[in-house]
Protein backbone atom coordinates (compact mmCIF):
# COMPACT_ATOMS: atom_id res chain seq x y z
CA UNK A 1 6.81 15.75 -9.78
CA UNK A 2 6.51 15.96 -6.07
CA UNK A 3 9.63 18.14 -5.89
CA UNK A 4 8.32 20.53 -8.54
CA UNK A 5 5.15 21.23 -6.56
CA UNK A 6 6.57 21.03 -3.06
CA UNK A 7 7.31 24.72 -2.65
CA UNK A 8 4.62 26.63 -0.89
CA UNK A 9 3.32 29.46 -3.03
CA UNK A 10 0.42 31.82 -2.73
CA UNK A 11 0.11 31.61 -6.50
CA UNK A 12 -1.16 28.10 -7.28
CA UNK A 13 -1.03 28.56 -11.09
CA UNK A 14 2.25 26.48 -11.38
CA UNK A 15 0.60 23.59 -9.45
CA UNK A 16 -2.44 23.82 -11.60
CA UNK A 17 -0.31 23.61 -14.79
CA UNK A 18 1.61 20.63 -13.42
CA UNK A 19 -1.62 18.93 -12.39
CA UNK A 20 -3.02 19.38 -15.88
CA UNK A 21 0.03 17.79 -17.40
CA UNK A 22 0.76 14.95 -15.01
CA UNK A 23 -2.21 14.38 -12.71
CA UNK A 24 -3.87 11.62 -14.71
CA UNK A 25 -0.55 9.89 -15.25
CA UNK A 26 0.13 9.85 -11.51
CA UNK A 27 -3.27 8.20 -10.75
CA UNK A 28 -2.87 5.85 -13.71
CA UNK A 29 0.58 4.62 -12.46
CA UNK A 30 -0.92 4.03 -9.07
CA UNK A 31 -3.64 1.83 -10.56
CA UNK A 32 -1.19 -0.05 -12.82
CA UNK A 33 1.36 -0.89 -10.07
CA UNK A 34 -0.69 -1.24 -6.78
CA UNK A 35 2.02 -3.33 -5.05
CA UNK A 36 4.99 -1.17 -5.80
CA UNK A 37 5.47 0.51 -2.48
CA UNK A 38 8.11 2.91 -3.72
CA UNK A 39 5.99 4.09 -6.65
CA UNK A 40 2.96 4.44 -4.40
CA UNK A 41 4.90 6.49 -1.88
CA UNK A 42 6.19 8.85 -4.58
CA UNK A 43 2.77 9.18 -6.20
CA UNK A 44 1.11 9.91 -2.86
CA UNK A 45 3.76 12.48 -2.19
CA UNK A 46 2.95 14.07 -5.58
CA UNK A 47 -0.76 14.15 -4.85
CA UNK A 48 -0.13 15.56 -1.41
CA UNK A 49 2.03 18.36 -2.86
CA UNK A 50 -0.28 19.02 -5.79
CA UNK A 51 -3.17 19.58 -3.37
CA UNK A 52 -1.32 21.66 -0.74
CA UNK A 53 -2.61 25.21 -0.77
CA UNK A 54 -4.36 24.66 -4.10
CA UNK A 55 -8.15 24.24 -3.98
CA UNK A 56 -8.42 23.72 -7.72
CA UNK A 57 -6.08 20.71 -7.57
CA UNK A 58 -8.05 19.18 -4.66
CA UNK A 59 -11.06 19.07 -6.99
CA UNK A 60 -9.06 17.93 -10.00
CA UNK A 61 -7.50 15.03 -8.12
CA UNK A 62 -10.89 13.93 -6.94
CA UNK A 63 -12.28 14.17 -10.47
CA UNK A 64 -9.60 11.81 -11.93
CA UNK A 65 -10.02 9.12 -9.25
CA UNK A 66 -7.24 10.28 -6.98
CA UNK A 67 -9.20 9.75 -3.76
CA UNK A 68 -9.81 6.11 -4.63
CA UNK A 69 -6.11 5.70 -5.62
CA UNK A 70 -4.92 7.07 -2.26
CA UNK A 71 -7.27 4.81 -0.28
CA UNK A 72 -6.37 1.79 -2.38
CA UNK A 73 -2.62 2.42 -1.78
CA UNK A 74 -3.19 2.59 1.98
CA UNK A 75 -5.34 -0.57 1.92
CA UNK A 76 -2.95 -2.55 -0.28
CA UNK A 77 0.23 -1.50 1.50
CA UNK A 78 -0.88 -1.21 5.03
CA UNK A 79 2.49 -2.38 6.47
CA UNK A 80 4.50 0.18 4.47
CA UNK A 81 5.28 3.14 6.86
CA UNK A 82 6.03 5.65 4.07
CA UNK A 83 2.88 4.78 2.12
CA UNK A 84 0.73 5.19 5.26
CA UNK A 85 2.38 8.52 6.14
CA UNK A 86 2.12 10.00 2.68
CA UNK A 87 -1.39 8.56 2.20
CA UNK A 88 -2.63 10.11 5.41
CA UNK A 89 -1.05 13.42 4.49
CA UNK A 90 -2.68 13.24 1.00
CA UNK A 91 -6.07 12.52 2.66
CA UNK A 92 -5.57 15.40 5.04
CA UNK A 93 -4.90 17.81 2.17
CA UNK A 94 -7.73 16.45 -0.08
CA UNK A 95 -10.13 16.54 2.84
CA UNK A 96 -9.81 20.33 3.22
CA UNK A 97 -12.38 20.40 0.40
CA UNK A 98 -15.89 19.68 1.79
CA UNK A 99 -16.95 17.54 -1.12
CA UNK A 100 -13.76 15.54 -0.96
CA UNK A 101 -14.17 15.13 2.78
CA UNK A 102 -17.50 13.51 2.24
CA UNK A 103 -16.20 11.35 -0.65
CA UNK A 104 -13.21 10.16 1.42
CA UNK A 105 -15.60 9.17 4.23
CA UNK A 106 -17.86 7.25 1.89
CA UNK A 107 -14.87 5.49 0.18
CA UNK A 108 -13.30 3.96 3.28
CA UNK A 109 -10.82 6.69 4.07
CA UNK A 110 -11.64 6.88 7.74
CA UNK A 111 -11.01 3.13 8.05
CA UNK A 112 -7.57 3.24 6.39
CA UNK A 113 -6.52 6.17 8.58
CA UNK A 114 -7.59 4.46 11.79
CA UNK A 115 -6.06 1.15 10.74
CA UNK A 116 -2.76 2.91 10.01
CA UNK A 117 -2.82 4.37 13.49
CA UNK A 118 -3.28 0.90 15.02
CA UNK A 119 -0.76 -0.88 12.73
CA UNK A 120 1.98 1.75 13.10
CA UNK A 121 1.60 2.59 16.80
CA UNK A 122 5.31 3.48 17.32
CA UNK A 123 5.77 5.70 14.26
CA UNK A 124 5.42 9.33 15.22
CA UNK A 125 5.16 10.55 11.64
CA UNK A 126 2.33 8.15 10.78
CA UNK A 127 0.51 9.07 13.95
CA UNK A 128 0.90 12.84 13.24
CA UNK A 129 -0.39 12.63 9.68
CA UNK A 130 -3.20 10.28 10.59
CA UNK A 131 -4.31 12.49 13.42
CA UNK A 132 -4.36 15.53 11.11
CA UNK A 133 -6.34 13.56 8.52
CA UNK A 134 -8.81 12.28 11.10
CA UNK A 135 -9.31 15.73 12.52
CA UNK A 136 -10.18 17.11 9.08
CA UNK A 137 -12.38 14.14 8.18
CA UNK A 138 -14.37 14.38 11.45
CA UNK A 139 -15.39 17.89 10.73
CA UNK A 140 -18.04 16.21 8.63
CA UNK A 141 -20.92 14.90 10.76
CA UNK A 142 -21.29 11.61 8.81
CA UNK A 143 -17.62 11.00 9.03
CA UNK A 144 -17.52 11.73 12.74
CA UNK A 145 -20.27 9.13 13.26
CA UNK A 146 -18.30 6.55 11.17
CA UNK A 147 -15.16 7.33 13.20
CA UNK A 148 -17.07 6.76 16.43
CA UNK A 149 -18.45 3.45 15.13
CA UNK A 150 -14.85 2.43 14.29
CA UNK A 151 -13.73 3.13 17.85
CA UNK A 152 -11.54 6.07 16.90
CA UNK A 153 -11.77 7.27 20.48
CA UNK A 154 -9.60 4.36 21.62
CA UNK A 155 -6.89 4.93 18.95
CA UNK A 156 -6.83 8.63 19.56
CA UNK A 157 -6.45 8.32 23.31
CA UNK A 158 -3.85 5.54 22.94
CA UNK A 159 -1.87 7.73 20.62
CA UNK A 160 -2.09 10.71 22.87
CA UNK A 161 -0.89 8.60 25.83
CA UNK A 162 1.91 7.09 23.84
CA UNK A 163 3.19 10.47 22.51
CA UNK A 164 2.61 12.89 25.38
CA UNK A 165 5.62 15.02 24.35
CA UNK A 166 4.48 15.49 20.72
CA UNK A 167 2.42 18.73 20.69
CA UNK A 168 0.79 18.24 17.26
CA UNK A 169 -0.48 14.79 18.30
CA UNK A 170 -1.88 16.28 21.53
CA UNK A 171 -3.45 19.21 19.69
CA UNK A 172 -4.95 17.03 16.94
CA UNK A 173 -6.13 14.49 19.44
CA UNK A 174 -8.00 17.10 21.46
CA UNK A 175 -9.44 18.55 18.22
CA UNK A 176 -10.63 15.13 17.11
CA UNK A 177 -12.25 14.40 20.44
CA UNK A 178 -13.89 17.79 20.32
CA UNK A 179 -15.32 17.03 16.85
CA UNK A 180 -16.64 13.66 18.09
CA UNK A 181 -18.06 15.03 21.36
CA UNK A 182 -20.12 17.60 19.38
CA UNK A 183 -22.25 14.83 17.89
CA UNK A 184 -24.42 13.55 20.72
CA UNK A 185 -24.46 12.98 24.44
CA UNK A 186 -23.76 9.28 23.80
CA UNK A 187 -20.58 10.33 21.93
CA UNK A 188 -19.52 12.42 24.89
CA UNK A 189 -20.07 9.38 27.16
CA UNK A 190 -17.98 7.21 24.82
CA UNK A 191 -15.09 9.72 25.09
CA UNK A 192 -15.28 9.99 28.87
């Protein structure tokens, strides 16, 4: 499934058709096999690809419980690198939709992303995907406040210091800090 929808296309009709056929099955399998890391990784990759460049699928995945499935996978399999990378990438794609961004924040998505950054400090791929997800999530004011409460500033700065040569981490780190600094003067002080 993930391979079928992995090709970027300006016409999202194929992705929508695939979503209509297999979307519920993917989420159902995730719920039935929560401790199967390989299945969760593949399902997260399918969700990530179904939602890439397809606004309709972002809504459809949310409507069938996909947000909760992604967060549950990341919570249950927090030590599985591939699950964390694919989960953060799926969250990043889903969060491009404003309603999904809010739902992810209210469902514990910020917590799982920040935890993945702390647990997998040496994995560049996890750090990149988590930074992208955290950036998108903190575009929402409520989510930005939650991220501040969870000391996201520390993990973002730690990641930026650890991976100085990785431009996407530097770019996303600055963008996250910018989102957080825009909240209040107290937030600015926490960053400084």
